[in-house]
Amino acid sequence: MSSTLTDGIRITVKPAYWPERSEPETGHFAFMYTVEIRNEGEEPAQLRSRHWLITDADGRTEEVKGEGVVGKQPRLQPGERFEYTSWAMLRTPFGTMRGSYQMVRPGGDAFDARIGEFALTQPHGLH
């Protein structure tokens, strides 16, 4: 699990191995992650885009950038939260993810809300 706070925006991530979508014998390890974005600040903010760095156990890093999350660009008033679940595929039984969301205030000020690094680990994948 990871929890970070940037400029009033708290991002908490809870990852889990997804055995139903994984095929370890062919090097496909699926991981779900649930993200909660909570506005703990005093100003509204809207999520515009995402930037992820996904690294497997062999050091291969995939960079993912795009508009919004799960097809949405949530606007959060102070005290509001938005939660979604997504997933990633690795070629190894463990790895890490980290990144940021570009947030924009009503006046146009933009900032990157940091997503702290978290582990993706197949249960019993580490010996």
Protein backbone atom coordinates (compact mmCIF):
# COMPACT_ATOMS: atom_id res chain seq x y z
CA MET A 1 0.00 0.00 0.00
CA SER A 2 1.07 3.57 -0.66
CA SER A 3 -0.30 6.88 0.63
CA THR A 4 1.04 10.30 -0.36
CA LEU A 5 -0.14 13.87 0.11
CA THR A 6 0.67 16.61 -2.43
CA ASP A 7 -0.83 20.10 -2.22
CA GLY A 8 -3.91 18.83 -0.35
CA ILE A 9 -4.49 15.79 -2.58
CA ARG A 10 -4.05 12.42 -0.84
CA ILE A 11 -3.55 9.39 -3.07
CA THR A 12 -3.81 5.94 -1.51
CA VAL A 13 -3.15 2.78 -3.55
CA LYS A 14 -3.94 -0.79 -2.52
CA PRO A 15 -2.49 -3.41 -4.90
CA ALA A 16 -3.40 -7.11 -5.14
CA TYR A 17 -2.31 -10.07 -7.24
CA TRP A 18 -4.99 -11.13 -9.77
CA PRO A 19 -4.65 -14.91 -10.22
CA GLU A 20 -7.66 -15.23 -12.56
CA ARG A 21 -5.96 -13.04 -15.21
CA SER A 22 -2.44 -14.40 -14.63
CA GLU A 23 -0.63 -17.17 -16.50
CA PRO A 24 2.63 -17.66 -14.58
CA GLU A 25 3.74 -20.51 -16.86
CA THR A 26 3.85 -18.06 -19.81
CA GLY A 27 5.25 -15.09 -17.85
CA HIS A 28 2.02 -13.14 -17.41
CA PHE A 29 1.41 -11.83 -13.89
CA ALA A 30 -1.66 -9.60 -13.47
CA PHE A 31 -2.09 -7.13 -10.62
CA MET A 32 -5.13 -5.05 -9.68
CA TYR A 33 -4.79 -1.79 -7.82
CA THR A 34 -7.46 0.35 -6.20
CA VAL A 35 -6.75 4.07 -6.02
CA GLU A 36 -8.46 6.55 -3.72
CA ILE A 37 -7.95 10.23 -4.53
CA ARG A 38 -9.10 12.46 -1.69
CA ASN A 39 -9.10 16.25 -1.62
CA GLU A 40 -7.92 17.11 1.90
CA GLY A 41 -7.12 20.69 0.88
CA GLU A 42 -9.16 23.87 0.85
CA GLU A 43 -9.51 24.34 -2.93
CA PRO A 44 -11.20 22.24 -5.64
CA ALA A 45 -8.97 20.30 -8.04
CA GLN A 46 -9.57 18.31 -11.22
CA LEU A 47 -7.54 15.30 -12.36
CA ARG A 48 -6.54 15.86 -16.00
CA SER A 49 -3.98 13.15 -16.80
CA ARG A 50 -1.97 10.26 -15.42
CA HIS A 51 1.68 9.19 -15.63
CA TRP A 52 2.76 5.74 -14.43
CA LEU A 53 6.14 4.00 -14.30
CA ILE A 54 5.72 0.22 -14.04
CA THR A 55 8.92 -1.73 -13.36
CA ASP A 56 9.25 -5.52 -13.29
CA ALA A 57 11.79 -7.61 -11.36
CA ASP A 58 14.17 -7.64 -14.36
CA GLY A 59 14.34 -3.83 -14.35
CA ARG A 60 12.17 -3.35 -17.46
CA THR A 61 10.15 -0.14 -17.06
CA GLU A 62 6.99 0.69 -18.97
CA GLU A 63 5.83 4.30 -19.04
CA VAL A 64 2.08 4.93 -19.31
CA LYS A 65 0.64 8.40 -19.94
CA GLY A 66 -2.91 9.38 -20.76
CA GLU A 67 -5.91 11.55 -20.19
CA GLY A 68 -7.84 11.00 -16.97
CA VAL A 69 -8.35 7.65 -15.24
CA VAL A 70 -10.80 4.92 -16.31
CA GLY A 71 -12.24 7.35 -18.87
CA LYS A 72 -12.93 10.09 -16.29
CA GLN A 73 -11.41 13.38 -15.22
CA PRO A 74 -12.88 13.72 -11.73
CA ARG A 75 -13.34 17.17 -10.20
CA LEU A 76 -13.00 17.05 -6.41
CA GLN A 77 -14.30 19.67 -4.03
CA PRO A 78 -12.62 19.90 -0.60
CA GLY A 79 -13.53 16.78 1.38
CA GLU A 80 -14.59 14.77 -1.70
CA ARG A 81 -12.99 11.52 -2.86
CA PHE A 82 -12.88 9.44 -6.04
CA GLU A 83 -12.01 5.75 -6.16
CA TYR A 84 -11.31 3.43 -9.07
CA THR A 85 -9.73 0.05 -9.77
CA SER A 86 -7.43 -0.74 -12.67
CA TRP A 87 -4.76 -3.31 -13.45
CA ALA A 88 -1.28 -3.91 -14.85
CA MET A 89 0.51 -6.91 -16.36
CA LEU A 90 4.11 -7.86 -15.54
CA ARG A 91 6.43 -10.51 -16.98
CA THR A 92 7.76 -11.31 -13.50
CA PRO A 93 6.02 -12.30 -10.23
CA PHE A 94 6.89 -8.98 -8.61
CA GLY A 95 7.64 -5.38 -9.49
CA THR A 96 6.73 -1.81 -8.57
CA MET A 97 4.58 1.07 -9.74
CA ARG A 98 4.79 4.82 -9.07
CA GLY A 99 3.67 7.94 -10.82
CA SER A 100 1.61 11.10 -10.67
CA TYR A 101 -1.69 12.69 -11.62
CA GLN A 102 -1.72 16.14 -13.17
CA MET A 103 -4.24 18.18 -11.22
CA VAL A 104 -5.62 21.61 -12.13
CA ARG A 105 -7.16 24.23 -9.82
CA PRO A 106 -10.13 26.38 -10.97
CA GLY A 107 -7.80 29.34 -11.61
CA GLY A 108 -5.69 27.24 -13.98
CA ASP A 109 -2.78 26.43 -11.66
CA ALA A 110 -1.54 22.90 -12.40
CA PHE A 111 0.49 20.58 -10.18
CA ASP A 112 1.54 16.94 -10.14
CA ALA A 113 0.07 14.92 -7.27
CA ARG A 114 2.65 12.23 -6.52
CA ILE A 115 1.74 8.54 -6.36
CA GLY A 116 4.26 6.87 -4.06
CA GLU A 117 5.94 3.67 -5.13
CA PHE A 118 4.12 0.47 -4.21
CA ALA A 119 4.96 -3.20 -4.65
CA LEU A 120 3.22 -5.63 -6.96
CA THR A 121 3.87 -9.08 -5.54
CA GLN A 122 2.52 -12.52 -6.34
CA PRO A 123 1.78 -14.30 -3.04
CA HIS A 124 4.64 -16.71 -2.34
CA GLY A 125 6.49 -15.19 -5.32
CA LEU A 126 9.45 -14.26 -3.11
CA HIS A 127 11.42 -17.06 -1.50
